[in-house]
Full PDB file with SEQRES, HELIX, SHEET, SSBOND, CRYST1, ORIGX, SCALE, CONECT and MASTER records, all heavy atoms in Angstrom:
SEQRES   1 A   28  PHE ARG GLU VAL LEU LYS ASN HIS ASP TRP SER GLN TYR          
SEQRES   2 A   28  GLN ASN HIS PHE VAL ALA ILE HIS CYS SER THR ASP ALA          
SEQRES   3 A   28  ILE LEU                                                      
HELIX    1 AA1 ARG A    2  ASN A    7  1                                   6    
HELIX    2 AA2 TRP A   10  TYR A   13  5                                   4    
CRYST1    1.000    1.000    1.000  90.00  90.00  90.00 P 1           1          
ORIGX1      1.000000  0.000000  0.000000        0.00000                         
ORIGX2      0.000000  1.000000  0.000000        0.00000                         
ORIGX3      0.000000  0.000000  1.000000        0.00000                         
SCALE1      1.000000  0.000000  0.000000        0.00000                         
SCALE2      0.000000  1.000000  0.000000        0.00000                         
SCALE3      0.000000  0.000000  1.000000        0.00000                         
ATOM      1  N   PHE A   1     -52.935  91.754 -74.777  1.00  0.00           N  
ATOM      2  CA  PHE A   1     -52.038  92.910 -74.286  1.00  0.00           C  
ATOM      3  C   PHE A   1     -51.579  93.793 -75.492  1.00  0.00           C  
ATOM      4  O   PHE A   1     -51.607  94.987 -75.369  1.00  0.00           O  
ATOM      5  CB  PHE A   1     -50.870  92.208 -73.631  1.00  0.00           C  
ATOM      6  CG  PHE A   1     -49.916  93.213 -72.897  1.00  0.00           C  
ATOM      7  CD1 PHE A   1     -50.335  93.766 -71.717  1.00  0.00           C  
ATOM      8  CD2 PHE A   1     -48.694  93.488 -73.350  1.00  0.00           C  
ATOM      9  CE1 PHE A   1     -49.483  94.704 -71.050  1.00  0.00           C  
ATOM     10  CE2 PHE A   1     -47.793  94.356 -72.774  1.00  0.00           C  
ATOM     11  CZ  PHE A   1     -48.223  94.935 -71.544  1.00  0.00           C  
ATOM     12  N   ARG A   2     -51.184  93.229 -76.543  1.00  0.00           N  
ATOM     13  CA  ARG A   2     -50.725  93.968 -77.695  1.00  0.00           C  
ATOM     14  C   ARG A   2     -51.857  94.864 -78.227  1.00  0.00           C  
ATOM     15  O   ARG A   2     -51.639  95.933 -78.694  1.00  0.00           O  
ATOM     16  CB  ARG A   2     -50.114  93.026 -78.790  1.00  0.00           C  
ATOM     17  CG  ARG A   2     -48.819  92.452 -78.446  1.00  0.00           C  
ATOM     18  CD  ARG A   2     -48.275  91.570 -79.561  1.00  0.00           C  
ATOM     19  NE  ARG A   2     -46.953  91.041 -79.245  1.00  0.00           N  
ATOM     20  CZ  ARG A   2     -45.824  91.638 -79.442  1.00  0.00           C  
ATOM     21  NH1 ARG A   2     -45.864  92.809 -80.009  1.00  0.00           N  
ATOM     22  NH2 ARG A   2     -44.673  91.021 -79.204  1.00  0.00           N  
ATOM     23  N   GLU A   3     -53.029  94.248 -78.228  1.00  0.00           N  
ATOM     24  CA  GLU A   3     -54.170  94.985 -78.823  1.00  0.00           C  
ATOM     25  C   GLU A   3     -54.519  96.199 -78.035  1.00  0.00           C  
ATOM     26  O   GLU A   3     -54.795  97.254 -78.541  1.00  0.00           O  
ATOM     27  CB  GLU A   3     -55.346  94.005 -78.917  1.00  0.00           C  
ATOM     28  CG  GLU A   3     -56.602  94.610 -79.692  1.00  0.00           C  
ATOM     29  CD  GLU A   3     -56.302  94.867 -81.114  1.00  0.00           C  
ATOM     30  OE1 GLU A   3     -55.379  94.255 -81.687  1.00  0.00           O  
ATOM     31  OE2 GLU A   3     -57.034  95.682 -81.666  1.00  0.00           O  
ATOM     32  N   VAL A   4     -54.527  96.039 -76.726  1.00  0.00           N  
ATOM     33  CA  VAL A   4     -54.934  97.135 -75.823  1.00  0.00           C  
ATOM     34  C   VAL A   4     -53.858  98.238 -75.837  1.00  0.00           C  
ATOM     35  O   VAL A   4     -54.232  99.461 -75.763  1.00  0.00           O  
ATOM     36  CB  VAL A   4     -55.151  96.631 -74.376  1.00  0.00           C  
ATOM     37  CG1 VAL A   4     -53.929  96.323 -73.646  1.00  0.00           C  
ATOM     38  CG2 VAL A   4     -55.963  97.624 -73.560  1.00  0.00           C  
ATOM     39  N   LEU A   5     -52.634  97.924 -75.974  1.00  0.00           N  
ATOM     40  CA  LEU A   5     -51.569  98.920 -76.082  1.00  0.00           C  
ATOM     41  C   LEU A   5     -51.697  99.651 -77.408  1.00  0.00           C  
ATOM     42  O   LEU A   5     -51.467 100.818 -77.487  1.00  0.00           O  
ATOM     43  CB  LEU A   5     -50.252  98.294 -76.011  1.00  0.00           C  
ATOM     44  CG  LEU A   5     -49.814  97.686 -74.561  1.00  0.00           C  
ATOM     45  CD1 LEU A   5     -48.380  97.203 -74.629  1.00  0.00           C  
ATOM     46  CD2 LEU A   5     -50.029  98.594 -73.464  1.00  0.00           C  
ATOM     47  N   LYS A   6     -52.062  98.982 -78.406  1.00  0.00           N  
ATOM     48  CA  LYS A   6     -52.208  99.500 -79.744  1.00  0.00           C  
ATOM     49  C   LYS A   6     -53.350 100.537 -79.772  1.00  0.00           C  
ATOM     50  O   LYS A   6     -53.225 101.593 -80.432  1.00  0.00           O  
ATOM     51  CB  LYS A   6     -52.526  98.427 -80.818  1.00  0.00           C  
ATOM     52  CG  LYS A   6     -52.647  98.879 -82.215  1.00  0.00           C  
ATOM     53  CD  LYS A   6     -52.974  97.730 -83.119  1.00  0.00           C  
ATOM     54  CE  LYS A   6     -53.171  98.264 -84.579  1.00  0.00           C  
ATOM     55  NZ  LYS A   6     -53.506  97.120 -85.522  1.00  0.00           N  
ATOM     56  N   ASN A   7     -54.360 100.312 -79.064  1.00  0.00           N  
ATOM     57  CA  ASN A   7     -55.570 101.141 -79.067  1.00  0.00           C  
ATOM     58  C   ASN A   7     -55.508 102.296 -77.943  1.00  0.00           C  
ATOM     59  O   ASN A   7     -56.430 103.116 -77.855  1.00  0.00           O  
ATOM     60  CB  ASN A   7     -56.839 100.366 -78.864  1.00  0.00           C  
ATOM     61  CG  ASN A   7     -57.023  99.516 -80.035  1.00  0.00           C  
ATOM     62  OD1 ASN A   7     -56.772  99.723 -81.193  1.00  0.00           O  
ATOM     63  ND2 ASN A   7     -57.546  98.257 -79.774  1.00  0.00           N  
ATOM     64  N   HIS A   8     -54.498 102.257 -77.134  1.00  0.00           N  
ATOM     65  CA  HIS A   8     -54.399 103.231 -76.035  1.00  0.00           C  
ATOM     66  C   HIS A   8     -53.972 104.584 -76.563  1.00  0.00           C  
ATOM     67  O   HIS A   8     -53.170 104.680 -77.546  1.00  0.00           O  
ATOM     68  CB  HIS A   8     -53.421 102.728 -74.970  1.00  0.00           C  
ATOM     69  CG  HIS A   8     -53.328 103.557 -73.736  1.00  0.00           C  
ATOM     70  ND1 HIS A   8     -54.336 103.525 -72.825  1.00  0.00           N  
ATOM     71  CD2 HIS A   8     -52.400 104.405 -73.229  1.00  0.00           C  
ATOM     72  CE1 HIS A   8     -54.060 104.318 -71.854  1.00  0.00           C  
ATOM     73  NE2 HIS A   8     -52.850 104.877 -72.022  1.00  0.00           N  
ATOM     74  N   ASP A   9     -54.469 105.636 -75.965  1.00  0.00           N  
ATOM     75  CA  ASP A   9     -54.180 107.044 -76.395  1.00  0.00           C  
ATOM     76  C   ASP A   9     -52.894 107.460 -75.721  1.00  0.00           C  
ATOM     77  O   ASP A   9     -52.868 107.963 -74.561  1.00  0.00           O  
ATOM     78  CB  ASP A   9     -55.318 108.024 -76.015  1.00  0.00           C  
ATOM     79  CG  ASP A   9     -55.024 109.379 -76.353  1.00  0.00           C  
ATOM     80  OD1 ASP A   9     -54.045 109.628 -77.205  1.00  0.00           O  
ATOM     81  OD2 ASP A   9     -55.672 110.375 -75.881  1.00  0.00           O  
ATOM     82  N   TRP A  10     -51.739 107.291 -76.328  1.00  0.00           N  
ATOM     83  CA  TRP A  10     -50.451 107.533 -75.716  1.00  0.00           C  
ATOM     84  C   TRP A  10     -50.118 109.033 -75.879  1.00  0.00           C  
ATOM     85  O   TRP A  10     -49.247 109.558 -75.124  1.00  0.00           O  
ATOM     86  CB  TRP A  10     -49.334 106.778 -76.435  1.00  0.00           C  
ATOM     87  CG  TRP A  10     -49.566 105.286 -76.334  1.00  0.00           C  
ATOM     88  CD1 TRP A  10     -50.094 104.447 -77.292  1.00  0.00           C  
ATOM     89  CD2 TRP A  10     -49.253 104.520 -75.199  1.00  0.00           C  
ATOM     90  NE1 TRP A  10     -50.223 103.189 -76.791  1.00  0.00           N  
ATOM     91  CE2 TRP A  10     -49.676 103.200 -75.489  1.00  0.00           C  
ATOM     92  CE3 TRP A  10     -48.674 104.770 -73.950  1.00  0.00           C  
ATOM     93  CZ2 TRP A  10     -49.480 102.100 -74.588  1.00  0.00           C  
ATOM     94  CZ3 TRP A  10     -48.518 103.796 -73.080  1.00  0.00           C  
ATOM     95  CH2 TRP A  10     -48.896 102.460 -73.417  1.00  0.00           C  
ATOM     96  N   SER A  11     -50.824 109.746 -76.654  1.00  0.00           N  
ATOM     97  CA  SER A  11     -50.609 111.237 -76.762  1.00  0.00           C  
ATOM     98  C   SER A  11     -50.891 112.044 -75.433  1.00  0.00           C  
ATOM     99  O   SER A  11     -50.387 113.123 -75.301  1.00  0.00           O  
ATOM    100  CB  SER A  11     -51.433 111.810 -77.921  1.00  0.00           C  
ATOM    101  OG  SER A  11     -52.806 111.709 -77.663  1.00  0.00           O  
ATOM    102  N   GLN A  12     -51.668 111.462 -74.591  1.00  0.00           N  
ATOM    103  CA  GLN A  12     -51.961 112.115 -73.322  1.00  0.00           C  
ATOM    104  C   GLN A  12     -50.740 112.223 -72.403  1.00  0.00           C  
ATOM    105  O   GLN A  12     -50.775 112.969 -71.427  1.00  0.00           O  
ATOM    106  CB  GLN A  12     -53.062 111.298 -72.588  1.00  0.00           C  
ATOM    107  CG  GLN A  12     -52.609 109.906 -72.092  1.00  0.00           C  
ATOM    108  CD  GLN A  12     -53.731 109.121 -71.440  1.00  0.00           C  
ATOM    109  OE1 GLN A  12     -54.244 109.504 -70.371  1.00  0.00           O  
ATOM    110  NE2 GLN A  12     -54.279 108.077 -72.168  1.00  0.00           N  
ATOM    111  N   TYR A  13     -49.693 111.520 -72.801  1.00  0.00           N  
ATOM    112  CA  TYR A  13     -48.447 111.615 -72.028  1.00  0.00           C  
ATOM    113  C   TYR A  13     -47.358 112.468 -72.595  1.00  0.00           C  
ATOM    114  O   TYR A  13     -46.193 112.487 -72.320  1.00  0.00           O  
ATOM    115  CB  TYR A  13     -47.832 110.155 -71.799  1.00  0.00           C  
ATOM    116  CG  TYR A  13     -48.829 109.208 -71.278  1.00  0.00           C  
ATOM    117  CD1 TYR A  13     -49.373 108.182 -72.091  1.00  0.00           C  
ATOM    118  CD2 TYR A  13     -49.299 109.287 -69.993  1.00  0.00           C  
ATOM    119  CE1 TYR A  13     -50.252 107.270 -71.663  1.00  0.00           C  
ATOM    120  CE2 TYR A  13     -50.193 108.310 -69.479  1.00  0.00           C  
ATOM    121  CZ  TYR A  13     -50.698 107.340 -70.270  1.00  0.00           C  
ATOM    122  OH  TYR A  13     -51.635 106.390 -69.777  1.00  0.00           O  
ATOM    123  N   GLN A  14     -47.818 113.370 -73.536  1.00  0.00           N  
ATOM    124  CA  GLN A  14     -46.961 114.287 -74.217  1.00  0.00           C  
ATOM    125  C   GLN A  14     -46.117 115.105 -73.227  1.00  0.00           C  
ATOM    126  O   GLN A  14     -46.737 115.772 -72.352  1.00  0.00           O  
ATOM    127  CB  GLN A  14     -47.764 115.265 -75.144  1.00  0.00           C  
ATOM    128  CG  GLN A  14     -46.914 116.207 -75.941  1.00  0.00           C  
ATOM    129  CD  GLN A  14     -46.182 115.350 -77.071  1.00  0.00           C  
ATOM    130  OE1 GLN A  14     -46.778 114.633 -77.836  1.00  0.00           O  
ATOM    131  NE2 GLN A  14     -44.870 115.713 -77.256  1.00  0.00           N  
ATOM    132  N   ASN A  15     -44.847 115.063 -73.226  1.00  0.00           N  
ATOM    133  CA  ASN A  15     -43.857 115.767 -72.384  1.00  0.00           C  
ATOM    134  C   ASN A  15     -44.044 115.406 -70.975  1.00  0.00           C  
ATOM    135  O   ASN A  15     -43.593 116.220 -70.120  1.00  0.00           O  
ATOM    136  CB  ASN A  15     -44.077 117.247 -72.655  1.00  0.00           C  
ATOM    137  CG  ASN A  15     -43.712 117.768 -74.027  1.00  0.00           C  
ATOM    138  OD1 ASN A  15     -42.731 117.210 -74.612  1.00  0.00           O  
ATOM    139  ND2 ASN A  15     -44.369 118.748 -74.539  1.00  0.00           N  
ATOM    140  N   HIS A  16     -44.484 114.274 -70.629  1.00  0.00           N  
ATOM    141  CA  HIS A  16     -44.583 113.774 -69.237  1.00  0.00           C  
ATOM    142  C   HIS A  16     -43.309 113.064 -68.889  1.00  0.00           C  
ATOM    143  O   HIS A  16     -42.629 112.468 -69.740  1.00  0.00           O  
ATOM    144  CB  HIS A  16     -45.775 112.898 -69.012  1.00  0.00           C  
ATOM    145  CG  HIS A  16     -47.078 113.559 -69.073  1.00  0.00           C  
ATOM    146  ND1 HIS A  16     -48.149 113.087 -68.333  1.00  0.00           N  
ATOM    147  CD2 HIS A  16     -47.530 114.678 -69.681  1.00  0.00           C  
ATOM    148  CE1 HIS A  16     -49.268 113.877 -68.547  1.00  0.00           C  
ATOM    149  NE2 HIS A  16     -48.856 114.900 -69.370  1.00  0.00           N  
ATOM    150  N   PHE A  17     -43.084 113.085 -67.560  1.00  0.00           N  
ATOM    151  CA  PHE A  17     -42.089 112.128 -66.986  1.00  0.00           C  
ATOM    152  C   PHE A  17     -42.928 110.927 -66.526  1.00  0.00           C  
ATOM    153  O   PHE A  17     -43.705 111.052 -65.667  1.00  0.00           O  
ATOM    154  CB  PHE A  17     -41.262 112.738 -65.882  1.00  0.00           C  
ATOM    155  CG  PHE A  17     -40.534 113.944 -66.221  1.00  0.00           C  
ATOM    156  CD1 PHE A  17     -40.892 115.253 -65.808  1.00  0.00           C  
ATOM    157  CD2 PHE A  17     -39.367 113.882 -66.974  1.00  0.00           C  
ATOM    158  CE1 PHE A  17     -40.146 116.297 -66.160  1.00  0.00           C  
ATOM    159  CE2 PHE A  17     -38.541 114.963 -67.347  1.00  0.00           C  
ATOM    160  CZ  PHE A  17     -39.012 116.188 -66.866  1.00  0.00           C  
ATOM    161  N   VAL A  18     -42.621 109.748 -67.086  1.00  0.00           N  
ATOM    162  CA  VAL A  18     -43.450 108.535 -66.871  1.00  0.00           C  
ATOM    163  C   VAL A  18     -42.729 107.437 -66.129  1.00  0.00           C  
ATOM    164  O   VAL A  18     -41.683 107.081 -66.492  1.00  0.00           O  
ATOM    165  CB  VAL A  18     -44.028 108.051 -68.155  1.00  0.00           C  
ATOM    166  CG1 VAL A  18     -44.967 106.853 -67.974  1.00  0.00           C  
ATOM    167  CG2 VAL A  18     -44.832 109.205 -68.917  1.00  0.00           C  
ATOM    168  N   ALA A  19     -43.447 106.920 -65.146  1.00  0.00           N  
ATOM    169  CA  ALA A  19     -42.883 105.661 -64.467  1.00  0.00           C  
ATOM    170  C   ALA A  19     -43.819 104.519 -64.724  1.00  0.00           C  
ATOM    171  O   ALA A  19     -45.046 104.631 -64.659  1.00  0.00           O  
ATOM    172  CB  ALA A  19     -42.871 105.932 -62.909  1.00  0.00           C  
ATOM    173  N   ILE A  20     -43.238 103.393 -65.196  1.00  0.00           N  
ATOM    174  CA  ILE A  20     -44.035 102.210 -65.553  1.00  0.00           C  
ATOM    175  C   ILE A  20     -43.802 101.219 -64.384  1.00  0.00           C  
ATOM    176  O   ILE A  20     -42.678 100.961 -63.989  1.00  0.00           O  
ATOM    177  CB  ILE A  20     -43.486 101.554 -66.804  1.00  0.00           C  
ATOM    178  CG1 ILE A  20     -43.586 102.570 -67.975  1.00  0.00           C  
ATOM    179  CG2 ILE A  20     -44.295 100.323 -67.112  1.00  0.00           C  
ATOM    180  CD1 ILE A  20     -42.905 102.020 -69.301  1.00  0.00           C  
ATOM    181  N   HIS A  21     -44.964 100.678 -63.862  1.00  0.00           N  
ATOM    182  CA  HIS A  21     -44.844  99.811 -62.781  1.00  0.00           C  
ATOM    183  C   HIS A  21     -46.017  98.789 -62.770  1.00  0.00           C  
ATOM    184  O   HIS A  21     -47.025  99.094 -63.567  1.00  0.00           O  
ATOM    185  CB  HIS A  21     -44.726 100.475 -61.430  1.00  0.00           C  
ATOM    186  CG  HIS A  21     -46.094 100.796 -60.850  1.00  0.00           C  
ATOM    187  ND1 HIS A  21     -46.517 100.293 -59.650  1.00  0.00           N  
ATOM    188  CD2 HIS A  21     -47.133 101.578 -61.293  1.00  0.00           C  
ATOM    189  CE1 HIS A  21     -47.717 100.744 -59.314  1.00  0.00           C  
ATOM    190  NE2 HIS A  21     -48.131 101.473 -60.326  1.00  0.00           N  
ATOM    191  N   CYS A  22     -46.027  97.826 -61.987  1.00  0.00           N  
ATOM    192  CA  CYS A  22     -47.225  96.914 -61.814  1.00  0.00           C  
ATOM    193  C   CYS A  22     -47.585  96.866 -60.349  1.00  0.00           C  
ATOM    194  O   CYS A  22     -46.705  96.504 -59.515  1.00  0.00           O  
ATOM    195  CB  CYS A  22     -46.848  95.513 -62.325  1.00  0.00           C  
ATOM    196  SG  CYS A  22     -48.191  94.390 -62.366  1.00  0.00           S  
ATOM    197  N   SER A  23     -48.818  97.187 -60.059  1.00  0.00           N  
ATOM    198  CA  SER A  23     -49.276  97.290 -58.674  1.00  0.00           C  
ATOM    199  C   SER A  23     -49.658  95.921 -58.063  1.00  0.00           C  
ATOM    200  O   SER A  23     -49.878  95.842 -56.860  1.00  0.00           O  
ATOM    201  CB  SER A  23     -50.539  98.224 -58.609  1.00  0.00           C  
ATOM    202  OG  SER A  23     -51.595  97.662 -59.397  1.00  0.00           O  
ATOM    203  N   THR A  24     -49.703  94.879 -58.888  1.00  0.00           N  
ATOM    204  CA  THR A  24     -49.968  93.539 -58.372  1.00  0.00           C  
ATOM    205  C   THR A  24     -48.643  92.692 -58.357  1.00  0.00           C  
ATOM    206  O   THR A  24     -47.603  93.135 -58.751  1.00  0.00           O  
ATOM    207  CB  THR A  24     -50.951  92.801 -59.151  1.00  0.00           C  
ATOM    208  OG1 THR A  24     -50.455  92.568 -60.525  1.00  0.00           O  
ATOM    209  CG2 THR A  24     -52.226  93.752 -59.407  1.00  0.00           C  
ATOM    210  N   ASP A  25     -48.714  91.436 -57.864  1.00  0.00           N  
ATOM    211  CA  ASP A  25     -47.621  90.512 -57.823  1.00  0.00           C  
ATOM    212  C   ASP A  25     -47.503  89.693 -59.120  1.00  0.00           C  
ATOM    213  O   ASP A  25     -46.912  88.608 -59.109  1.00  0.00           O  
ATOM    214  CB  ASP A  25     -47.737  89.626 -56.612  1.00  0.00           C  
ATOM    215  CG  ASP A  25     -47.555  90.470 -55.322  1.00  0.00           C  
ATOM    216  OD1 ASP A  25     -46.904  91.439 -55.281  1.00  0.00           O  
ATOM    217  OD2 ASP A  25     -48.243  89.973 -54.306  1.00  0.00           O  
ATOM    218  N   ALA A  26     -48.122  90.162 -60.174  1.00  0.00           N  
ATOM    219  CA  ALA A  26     -48.060  89.545 -61.457  1.00  0.00           C  
ATOM    220  C   ALA A  26     -46.591  89.302 -61.875  1.00  0.00           C  
ATOM    221  O   ALA A  26     -45.785  90.132 -61.760  1.00  0.00           O  
ATOM    222  CB  ALA A  26     -48.878  90.219 -62.483  1.00  0.00           C  
ATOM    223  N   ILE A  27     -46.331  88.106 -62.448  1.00  0.00           N  
ATOM    224  CA  ILE A  27     -45.066  87.818 -63.003  1.00  0.00           C  
ATOM    225  C   ILE A  27     -45.129  88.134 -64.480  1.00  0.00           C  
ATOM    226  O   ILE A  27     -45.808  87.491 -65.255  1.00  0.00           O  
ATOM    227  CB  ILE A  27     -44.672  86.339 -62.798  1.00  0.00           C  
ATOM    228  CG1 ILE A  27     -44.607  86.030 -61.369  1.00  0.00           C  
ATOM    229  CG2 ILE A  27     -43.305  86.049 -63.457  1.00  0.00           C  
ATOM    230  CD1 ILE A  27     -44.391  84.600 -60.985  1.00  0.00           C  
ATOM    231  N   LEU A  28     -44.363  89.197 -64.884  1.00  0.00           N  
ATOM    232  CA  LEU A  28     -44.456  89.732 -66.205  1.00  0.00           C  
ATOM    233  C   LEU A  28     -43.212  89.255 -67.025  1.00  0.00           C  
ATOM    234  O   LEU A  28     -42.085  89.321 -66.461  1.00  0.00           O  
ATOM    235  CB  LEU A  28     -44.585  91.241 -66.239  1.00  0.00           C  
ATOM    236  CG  LEU A  28     -45.684  91.914 -65.654  1.00  0.00           C  
ATOM    237  CD1 LEU A  28     -45.629  93.407 -65.583  1.00  0.00           C  
ATOM    238  CD2 LEU A  28     -47.047  91.480 -66.353  1.00  0.00           C  
TER     239      LEU A  28                                                      
MASTER        0    0    0    2    0    0    0    6  238    1    0    3          
END                                                                             
């Protein structure tokens, strides 16, 4: 999980309003 977040391109969300959610019933 940490690795995939580290390599994700976060700049694509520049000046966005962002909602974080989980579409499954996973217990996080």
